[in-house]
Amino acid sequence: MKQIEEEVEILLRHFIEDLSALPRSRETYYDSTFTNMVRRERTVRRRSTFKHLFLRNAPKVDDEGFIVTEVASWTRSSR
């Protein structure tokens, strides 16, 4: 038992020496309780401009302003 304890001590010393030789890294932690940490809210006018540009780039839009999409028929097995 004494021999095992001595071997463990030696292993731990080597491990600590090896760890001290590693470069230190700086970590950043973000708090997710703040919903808009980076950007400010824009005015309503800019949101409508974005919606107009977004819908203009959509492949197909119906009369009510919704994007028309295709159901993924290619995922269904052909019977």
N, C-alpha and C. Protein backbone atom coordinates (compact mmCIF):
# COMPACT_ATOMS: atom_id res chain seq x y z
N MET A 1 0.82 -1.19 0.00
CA MET A 1 0.00 0.00 0.00
C MET A 1 0.87 1.26 0.00
N LYS A 2 1.94 1.21 0.77
CA LYS A 2 2.86 2.35 0.84
C LYS A 2 3.49 2.63 -0.52
N GLN A 3 3.82 1.58 -1.25
CA GLN A 3 4.43 1.73 -2.57
C GLN A 3 3.45 2.39 -3.55
N ILE A 4 2.19 2.02 -3.48
CA ILE A 4 1.16 2.61 -4.35
C ILE A 4 1.02 4.09 -4.05
N GLU A 5 1.02 4.45 -2.77
CA GLU A 5 0.91 5.86 -2.40
C GLU A 5 2.09 6.66 -2.91
N GLU A 6 3.29 6.12 -2.83
CA GLU A 6 4.47 6.82 -3.33
C GLU A 6 4.40 6.99 -4.85
N GLU A 7 3.94 5.95 -5.56
CA GLU A 7 3.83 6.04 -7.01
C GLU A 7 2.78 7.08 -7.42
N VAL A 8 1.70 7.15 -6.65
CA VAL A 8 0.67 8.15 -6.92
C VAL A 8 1.22 9.55 -6.70
N GLU A 9 1.99 9.74 -5.64
CA GLU A 9 2.61 11.04 -5.37
C GLU A 9 3.52 11.46 -6.52
N ILE A 10 4.31 10.51 -7.01
CA ILE A 10 5.22 10.81 -8.12
C ILE A 10 4.43 11.17 -9.38
N LEU A 11 3.41 10.40 -9.66
CA LEU A 11 2.57 10.69 -10.83
C LEU A 11 1.91 12.05 -10.73
N LEU A 12 1.41 12.38 -9.55
CA LEU A 12 0.77 13.68 -9.37
C LEU A 12 1.76 14.82 -9.55
N ARG A 13 2.97 14.67 -9.04
CA ARG A 13 3.99 15.72 -9.21
C ARG A 13 4.31 15.92 -10.68
N HIS A 14 4.48 14.82 -11.42
CA HIS A 14 4.75 14.93 -12.86
C HIS A 14 3.58 15.58 -13.59
N PHE A 15 2.38 15.21 -13.20
CA PHE A 15 1.19 15.78 -13.84
C PHE A 15 1.12 17.29 -13.60
N ILE A 16 1.39 17.73 -12.38
CA ILE A 16 1.36 19.16 -12.05
C ILE A 16 2.44 19.90 -12.82
N GLU A 17 3.62 19.32 -12.95
CA GLU A 17 4.69 19.95 -13.72
C GLU A 17 4.31 20.08 -15.19
N ASP A 18 3.72 19.04 -15.73
CA ASP A 18 3.30 19.09 -17.13
C ASP A 18 2.21 20.13 -17.35
N LEU A 19 1.28 20.23 -16.42
CA LEU A 19 0.21 21.22 -16.56
C LEU A 19 0.74 22.64 -16.46
N SER A 20 1.73 22.87 -15.63
CA SER A 20 2.26 24.22 -15.48
C SER A 20 3.00 24.67 -16.74
N ALA A 21 3.43 23.73 -17.58
CA ALA A 21 4.12 24.08 -18.82
C ALA A 21 3.16 24.44 -19.94
N LEU A 22 1.89 24.14 -19.79
CA LEU A 22 0.91 24.46 -20.83
C LEU A 22 0.63 25.95 -20.86
N PRO A 23 0.34 26.51 -22.05
CA PRO A 23 0.00 27.93 -22.12
C PRO A 23 -1.36 28.20 -21.48
N ARG A 24 -1.47 29.34 -20.87
CA ARG A 24 -2.73 29.70 -20.22
C ARG A 24 -3.69 30.25 -21.28
N SER A 25 -4.95 29.95 -21.10
CA SER A 25 -5.96 30.48 -22.02
C SER A 25 -6.93 31.36 -21.25
N ARG A 26 -7.41 32.36 -21.94
CA ARG A 26 -8.37 33.26 -21.32
C ARG A 26 -9.75 32.88 -21.81
N GLU A 27 -10.68 32.67 -20.89
CA GLU A 27 -12.02 32.25 -21.26
C GLU A 27 -13.00 33.39 -21.02
N THR A 28 -14.00 33.44 -21.88
CA THR A 28 -15.03 34.46 -21.76
C THR A 28 -16.36 33.77 -21.52
N TYR A 29 -17.08 34.26 -20.55
CA TYR A 29 -18.39 33.70 -20.23
C TYR A 29 -19.45 34.75 -20.53
N TYR A 30 -20.54 34.32 -21.14
CA TYR A 30 -21.63 35.23 -21.48
C TYR A 30 -22.84 34.91 -20.65
N ASP A 31 -23.49 35.94 -20.18
CA ASP A 31 -24.70 35.78 -19.40
C ASP A 31 -25.88 35.83 -20.35
N SER A 32 -26.67 34.78 -20.39
CA SER A 32 -27.76 34.71 -21.36
C SER A 32 -29.04 35.37 -20.86
N THR A 33 -29.01 36.02 -19.71
CA THR A 33 -30.22 36.68 -19.22
C THR A 33 -30.48 38.00 -19.94
N PHE A 34 -29.45 38.57 -20.58
CA PHE A 34 -29.63 39.80 -21.34
C PHE A 34 -29.93 39.42 -22.78
N THR A 35 -31.12 39.79 -23.26
CA THR A 35 -31.51 39.35 -24.60
C THR A 35 -30.83 40.15 -25.70
N ASN A 36 -30.58 41.43 -25.50
CA ASN A 36 -29.98 42.26 -26.55
C ASN A 36 -28.68 42.88 -26.04
N MET A 37 -27.67 42.07 -25.88
CA MET A 37 -26.42 42.57 -25.33
C MET A 37 -25.63 43.38 -26.36
N VAL A 38 -25.75 43.04 -27.64
CA VAL A 38 -24.89 43.63 -28.64
C VAL A 38 -25.58 44.72 -29.45
N ARG A 39 -26.82 44.53 -29.81
CA ARG A 39 -27.47 45.48 -30.70
C ARG A 39 -28.59 46.24 -29.99
N ARG A 40 -28.86 47.41 -30.51
CA ARG A 40 -29.97 48.20 -30.01
C ARG A 40 -31.19 47.91 -30.88
N GLU A 41 -32.35 48.10 -30.32
CA GLU A 41 -33.57 47.92 -31.10
C GLU A 41 -33.70 49.06 -32.10
N ARG A 42 -34.18 48.75 -33.27
CA ARG A 42 -34.35 49.75 -34.34
C ARG A 42 -35.78 50.28 -34.34
N THR A 43 -36.00 51.26 -35.16
CA THR A 43 -37.34 51.83 -35.26
C THR A 43 -38.22 50.90 -36.09
N VAL A 44 -39.52 51.13 -36.03
CA VAL A 44 -40.47 50.30 -36.77
C VAL A 44 -40.26 50.46 -38.27
N ARG A 45 -39.88 51.64 -38.72
CA ARG A 45 -39.68 51.89 -40.13
C ARG A 45 -38.60 50.96 -40.70
N ARG A 46 -37.52 50.76 -39.97
CA ARG A 46 -36.46 49.89 -40.45
C ARG A 46 -36.92 48.43 -40.49
N ARG A 47 -37.76 48.05 -39.55
CA ARG A 47 -38.27 46.68 -39.57
C ARG A 47 -39.13 46.46 -40.80
N SER A 48 -39.94 47.44 -41.17
CA SER A 48 -40.78 47.27 -42.35
C SER A 48 -39.91 47.25 -43.61
N THR A 49 -38.83 48.01 -43.63
CA THR A 49 -37.92 47.98 -44.77
C THR A 49 -37.28 46.60 -44.88
N PHE A 50 -36.88 46.04 -43.75
CA PHE A 50 -36.31 44.70 -43.77
C PHE A 50 -37.32 43.69 -44.29
N LYS A 51 -38.58 43.79 -43.81
CA LYS A 51 -39.61 42.85 -44.25
C LYS A 51 -39.81 42.96 -45.77
N HIS A 52 -39.84 44.19 -46.28
CA HIS A 52 -40.02 44.39 -47.71
C HIS A 52 -38.87 43.75 -48.50
N LEU A 53 -37.63 43.98 -48.06
CA LEU A 53 -36.48 43.41 -48.76
C LEU A 53 -36.46 41.89 -48.63
N PHE A 54 -36.83 41.39 -47.47
CA PHE A 54 -36.84 39.94 -47.25
C PHE A 54 -37.87 39.27 -48.16
N LEU A 55 -39.07 39.84 -48.22
CA LEU A 55 -40.12 39.24 -49.06
C LEU A 55 -39.79 39.39 -50.54
N ARG A 56 -39.08 40.44 -50.90
CA ARG A 56 -38.70 40.62 -52.30
C ARG A 56 -37.73 39.52 -52.74
N ASN A 57 -36.90 39.03 -51.81
CA ASN A 57 -35.96 37.97 -52.15
C ASN A 57 -36.55 36.57 -52.03
N ALA A 58 -37.74 36.45 -51.48
CA ALA A 58 -38.37 35.15 -51.33
C ALA A 58 -38.79 34.62 -52.70
N PRO A 59 -38.74 33.31 -52.90
CA PRO A 59 -39.11 32.75 -54.21
C PRO A 59 -40.57 32.97 -54.57
N LYS A 60 -41.49 32.87 -53.57
CA LYS A 60 -42.90 33.03 -53.87
C LYS A 60 -43.60 33.56 -52.62
N VAL A 61 -44.43 34.61 -52.81
CA VAL A 61 -45.16 35.23 -51.71
C VAL A 61 -46.63 35.31 -52.11
N ASP A 62 -47.53 34.96 -51.17
CA ASP A 62 -48.96 35.02 -51.49
C ASP A 62 -49.49 36.45 -51.30
N ASP A 63 -50.79 36.65 -51.52
CA ASP A 63 -51.41 37.97 -51.46
C ASP A 63 -51.39 38.58 -50.06
N GLU A 64 -51.34 37.74 -49.05
CA GLU A 64 -51.34 38.23 -47.66
C GLU A 64 -49.93 38.52 -47.14
N GLY A 65 -48.91 38.26 -47.94
CA GLY A 65 -47.53 38.56 -47.53
C GLY A 65 -46.81 37.40 -46.87
N PHE A 66 -47.34 36.20 -47.00
CA PHE A 66 -46.68 35.03 -46.44
C PHE A 66 -45.83 34.36 -47.50
N ILE A 67 -44.70 33.80 -47.08
CA ILE A 67 -43.84 33.08 -48.02
C ILE A 67 -44.44 31.71 -48.27
N VAL A 68 -44.59 31.35 -49.53
CA VAL A 68 -45.15 30.07 -49.92
C VAL A 68 -43.99 29.09 -50.05
N THR A 69 -44.07 28.00 -49.32
CA THR A 69 -43.02 26.99 -49.37
C THR A 69 -43.59 25.66 -49.80
N GLU A 70 -42.70 24.80 -50.21
CA GLU A 70 -43.11 23.47 -50.66
C GLU A 70 -42.89 22.49 -49.51
N VAL A 71 -43.82 21.60 -49.33
CA VAL A 71 -43.65 20.53 -48.36
C VAL A 71 -42.55 19.63 -48.87
N ALA A 72 -41.72 19.18 -48.01
CA ALA A 72 -40.56 18.37 -48.42
C ALA A 72 -41.00 17.03 -48.97
N SER A 73 -41.55 17.04 -50.17
CA SER A 73 -42.04 15.79 -50.77
C SER A 73 -40.90 14.83 -51.10
N TRP A 74 -39.71 15.36 -51.30
CA TRP A 74 -38.57 14.51 -51.63
C TRP A 74 -38.12 13.67 -50.44
N THR A 75 -38.61 13.99 -49.23
CA THR A 75 -38.23 13.20 -48.07
C THR A 75 -39.14 12.01 -47.86
N ARG A 76 -40.29 12.03 -48.48
CA ARG A 76 -41.22 10.92 -48.33
C ARG A 76 -40.80 9.75 -49.18
N SER A 77 -41.07 8.55 -48.72
CA SER A 77 -40.74 7.38 -49.53
C SER A 77 -41.76 7.24 -50.64
N SER A 78 -41.29 6.91 -51.82
CA SER A 78 -42.20 6.75 -52.97
C SER A 78 -42.83 5.36 -52.90
N ARG A 79 -44.14 5.31 -52.94
CA ARG A 79 -44.85 4.02 -52.84
C ARG A 79 -45.52 3.69 -54.13
